[in-house]
N, C-alpha and C. Protein backbone atom coordinates (compact mmCIF):
# COMPACT_ATOMS: atom_id res chain seq x y z
N MET A 1 28.76 -6.39 -37.98
CA MET A 1 27.41 -6.17 -37.52
C MET A 1 27.40 -5.61 -36.08
N TYR A 2 28.35 -6.05 -35.29
CA TYR A 2 28.43 -5.57 -33.91
C TYR A 2 28.67 -4.07 -33.88
N PHE A 3 29.56 -3.58 -34.76
CA PHE A 3 29.86 -2.15 -34.80
C PHE A 3 28.63 -1.34 -35.17
N VAL A 4 27.87 -1.79 -36.15
CA VAL A 4 26.66 -1.08 -36.58
C VAL A 4 25.66 -1.04 -35.42
N ASN A 5 25.48 -2.17 -34.76
CA ASN A 5 24.57 -2.24 -33.63
C ASN A 5 25.02 -1.29 -32.52
N PHE A 6 26.29 -1.32 -32.19
CA PHE A 6 26.83 -0.47 -31.13
C PHE A 6 26.72 1.01 -31.50
N ALA A 7 27.06 1.34 -32.74
CA ALA A 7 27.02 2.74 -33.18
C ALA A 7 25.59 3.28 -33.16
N LEU A 8 24.65 2.51 -33.67
CA LEU A 8 23.25 2.96 -33.66
C LEU A 8 22.71 3.04 -32.24
N ASP A 9 23.03 2.04 -31.44
CA ASP A 9 22.55 2.04 -30.06
C ASP A 9 23.09 3.24 -29.30
N THR A 10 24.36 3.53 -29.47
CA THR A 10 24.97 4.67 -28.78
C THR A 10 24.42 5.99 -29.30
N SER A 11 24.37 6.14 -30.60
CA SER A 11 23.90 7.41 -31.19
C SER A 11 22.44 7.66 -30.86
N LEU A 12 21.60 6.69 -31.14
CA LEU A 12 20.17 6.87 -30.87
C LEU A 12 19.89 6.93 -29.37
N GLY A 13 20.65 6.18 -28.59
CA GLY A 13 20.47 6.20 -27.14
C GLY A 13 20.80 7.56 -26.55
N VAL A 14 21.86 8.20 -27.03
CA VAL A 14 22.23 9.52 -26.53
C VAL A 14 21.15 10.53 -26.89
N VAL A 15 20.68 10.50 -28.13
CA VAL A 15 19.62 11.43 -28.56
C VAL A 15 18.35 11.19 -27.75
N PHE A 16 17.97 9.93 -27.60
CA PHE A 16 16.76 9.58 -26.85
C PHE A 16 16.86 10.05 -25.40
N ASN A 17 17.99 9.80 -24.76
CA ASN A 17 18.16 10.22 -23.37
C ASN A 17 18.21 11.74 -23.24
N TRP A 18 18.79 12.43 -24.21
CA TRP A 18 18.84 13.89 -24.18
C TRP A 18 17.44 14.47 -24.28
N VAL A 19 16.60 13.90 -25.16
CA VAL A 19 15.21 14.37 -25.29
C VAL A 19 14.46 14.12 -23.99
N LEU A 20 14.62 12.93 -23.41
CA LEU A 20 13.95 12.63 -22.15
C LEU A 20 14.42 13.56 -21.03
N LEU A 21 15.70 13.86 -20.99
CA LEU A 21 16.23 14.76 -19.97
C LEU A 21 15.65 16.16 -20.14
N THR A 22 15.54 16.62 -21.39
CA THR A 22 14.94 17.93 -21.66
C THR A 22 13.49 17.94 -21.21
N LEU A 23 12.75 16.89 -21.55
CA LEU A 23 11.34 16.81 -21.14
C LEU A 23 11.23 16.74 -19.62
N LEU A 24 12.13 16.02 -18.98
CA LEU A 24 12.10 15.90 -17.52
C LEU A 24 12.38 17.25 -16.87
N THR A 25 13.30 18.01 -17.44
CA THR A 25 13.62 19.33 -16.89
C THR A 25 12.41 20.24 -16.98
N VAL A 26 11.74 20.24 -18.13
CA VAL A 26 10.54 21.06 -18.29
C VAL A 26 9.46 20.60 -17.31
N TRP A 27 9.29 19.29 -17.19
CA TRP A 27 8.27 18.75 -16.29
C TRP A 27 8.57 19.15 -14.84
N LEU A 28 9.83 19.08 -14.44
CA LEU A 28 10.19 19.45 -13.07
C LEU A 28 9.96 20.94 -12.81
N MET A 29 10.23 21.78 -13.80
CA MET A 29 9.96 23.21 -13.65
C MET A 29 8.46 23.46 -13.51
N GLN A 30 7.66 22.77 -14.32
CA GLN A 30 6.21 22.93 -14.23
C GLN A 30 5.70 22.42 -12.89
N LEU A 31 6.21 21.28 -12.44
CA LEU A 31 5.79 20.72 -11.16
C LEU A 31 6.14 21.65 -10.01
N THR A 32 7.33 22.22 -10.03
CA THR A 32 7.76 23.13 -8.98
C THR A 32 6.89 24.37 -8.93
N SER A 33 6.61 24.95 -10.09
CA SER A 33 5.77 26.15 -10.10
C SER A 33 4.35 25.83 -9.66
N TRP A 34 3.82 24.66 -10.08
CA TRP A 34 2.47 24.27 -9.68
C TRP A 34 2.41 24.06 -8.16
N LEU A 35 3.41 23.40 -7.60
CA LEU A 35 3.44 23.19 -6.15
C LEU A 35 3.53 24.51 -5.39
N ALA A 36 4.30 25.45 -5.91
CA ALA A 36 4.40 26.76 -5.26
C ALA A 36 3.06 27.49 -5.29
N ILE A 37 2.37 27.42 -6.41
CA ILE A 37 1.06 28.07 -6.52
C ILE A 37 0.05 27.43 -5.58
N ILE A 38 0.00 26.10 -5.54
CA ILE A 38 -0.94 25.40 -4.66
C ILE A 38 -0.62 25.68 -3.19
N LEU A 39 0.64 25.65 -2.83
CA LEU A 39 1.04 25.93 -1.45
C LEU A 39 0.64 27.35 -1.05
N THR A 40 0.87 28.31 -1.92
CA THR A 40 0.49 29.69 -1.64
C THR A 40 -1.01 29.83 -1.46
N ALA A 41 -1.77 29.20 -2.35
CA ALA A 41 -3.24 29.28 -2.25
C ALA A 41 -3.73 28.65 -0.95
N LYS A 42 -3.19 27.49 -0.60
CA LYS A 42 -3.61 26.82 0.64
C LYS A 42 -3.24 27.65 1.87
N LEU A 43 -2.08 28.27 1.86
CA LEU A 43 -1.69 29.12 2.99
C LEU A 43 -2.60 30.33 3.12
N ILE A 44 -2.95 30.95 2.00
CA ILE A 44 -3.85 32.11 2.05
C ILE A 44 -5.22 31.70 2.58
N ILE A 45 -5.76 30.60 2.07
CA ILE A 45 -7.07 30.13 2.52
C ILE A 45 -7.01 29.72 4.00
N GLY A 46 -5.95 29.01 4.39
CA GLY A 46 -5.81 28.60 5.78
C GLY A 46 -5.72 29.78 6.73
N CYS A 47 -4.96 30.80 6.35
CA CYS A 47 -4.86 32.00 7.19
C CYS A 47 -6.21 32.71 7.27
N GLY A 48 -6.93 32.73 6.16
CA GLY A 48 -8.26 33.35 6.15
C GLY A 48 -9.23 32.61 7.06
N ILE A 49 -9.15 31.29 7.06
CA ILE A 49 -10.03 30.50 7.93
C ILE A 49 -9.68 30.74 9.40
N VAL A 50 -8.41 30.75 9.73
CA VAL A 50 -8.00 30.99 11.12
C VAL A 50 -8.40 32.40 11.55
N TYR A 51 -8.19 33.37 10.69
CA TYR A 51 -8.49 34.77 11.02
C TYR A 51 -10.00 34.99 11.18
N CYS A 52 -10.82 34.34 10.37
CA CYS A 52 -12.28 34.55 10.38
C CYS A 52 -13.02 33.38 11.03
N GLN A 53 -12.37 32.66 11.90
CA GLN A 53 -12.94 31.44 12.47
C GLN A 53 -14.28 31.69 13.16
N ALA A 54 -14.39 32.70 13.96
CA ALA A 54 -15.64 32.95 14.71
C ALA A 54 -16.79 33.24 13.75
N VAL A 55 -16.54 34.06 12.76
CA VAL A 55 -17.59 34.41 11.79
C VAL A 55 -17.99 33.18 10.99
N LEU A 56 -17.02 32.36 10.59
CA LEU A 56 -17.32 31.17 9.80
C LEU A 56 -18.11 30.14 10.62
N VAL A 57 -17.79 30.01 11.90
CA VAL A 57 -18.54 29.08 12.76
C VAL A 57 -19.98 29.56 12.90
N ASP A 58 -20.17 30.84 13.13
CA ASP A 58 -21.54 31.37 13.23
C ASP A 58 -22.30 31.17 11.93
N PHE A 59 -21.65 31.38 10.81
CA PHE A 59 -22.29 31.19 9.51
C PHE A 59 -22.67 29.72 9.30
N ALA A 60 -21.78 28.80 9.67
CA ALA A 60 -22.07 27.37 9.52
C ALA A 60 -23.24 26.95 10.40
N VAL A 61 -23.29 27.46 11.62
CA VAL A 61 -24.42 27.15 12.52
C VAL A 61 -25.71 27.66 11.91
N TRP A 62 -25.69 28.86 11.34
CA TRP A 62 -26.89 29.44 10.73
C TRP A 62 -27.33 28.63 9.49
N VAL A 63 -26.37 28.22 8.67
CA VAL A 63 -26.70 27.47 7.44
C VAL A 63 -27.30 26.11 7.78
N PHE A 64 -26.75 25.44 8.78
CA PHE A 64 -27.21 24.09 9.10
C PHE A 64 -28.29 24.05 10.17
N ALA A 65 -28.74 25.17 10.65
CA ALA A 65 -29.80 25.21 11.68
C ALA A 65 -31.08 24.51 11.22
N PRO A 66 -31.54 24.66 9.98
CA PRO A 66 -32.75 23.95 9.57
C PRO A 66 -32.61 22.43 9.59
N LEU A 67 -31.41 21.93 9.56
CA LEU A 67 -31.20 20.48 9.55
C LEU A 67 -31.03 19.90 10.96
N GLU A 68 -31.06 20.74 11.97
CA GLU A 68 -30.81 20.28 13.33
C GLU A 68 -31.85 19.28 13.80
N ALA A 69 -33.06 19.40 13.33
CA ALA A 69 -34.13 18.46 13.73
C ALA A 69 -33.99 17.11 13.04
N HIS A 70 -33.14 17.03 12.03
CA HIS A 70 -32.95 15.79 11.27
C HIS A 70 -31.47 15.41 11.29
N PRO A 71 -30.99 14.81 12.37
CA PRO A 71 -29.56 14.53 12.51
C PRO A 71 -29.01 13.52 11.51
N ARG A 72 -29.87 12.70 10.94
CA ARG A 72 -29.39 11.72 9.97
C ARG A 72 -29.19 12.44 8.70
């Protein structure tokens, strides 16, 4: 009985771990590409904000000017 238990545990364990490793590899590739896309988008937006800071501040002042009388 010990041999059957050991053989099944080893065989199924190797297959199970191989499937998990394959899934983990795919997940890591997806995570890496997603992080690269998000980082690129944030850098582009951040550079745009820094480059257009004066215009954006003027626009924000204009948008919120009607609320100036109501600070709450």
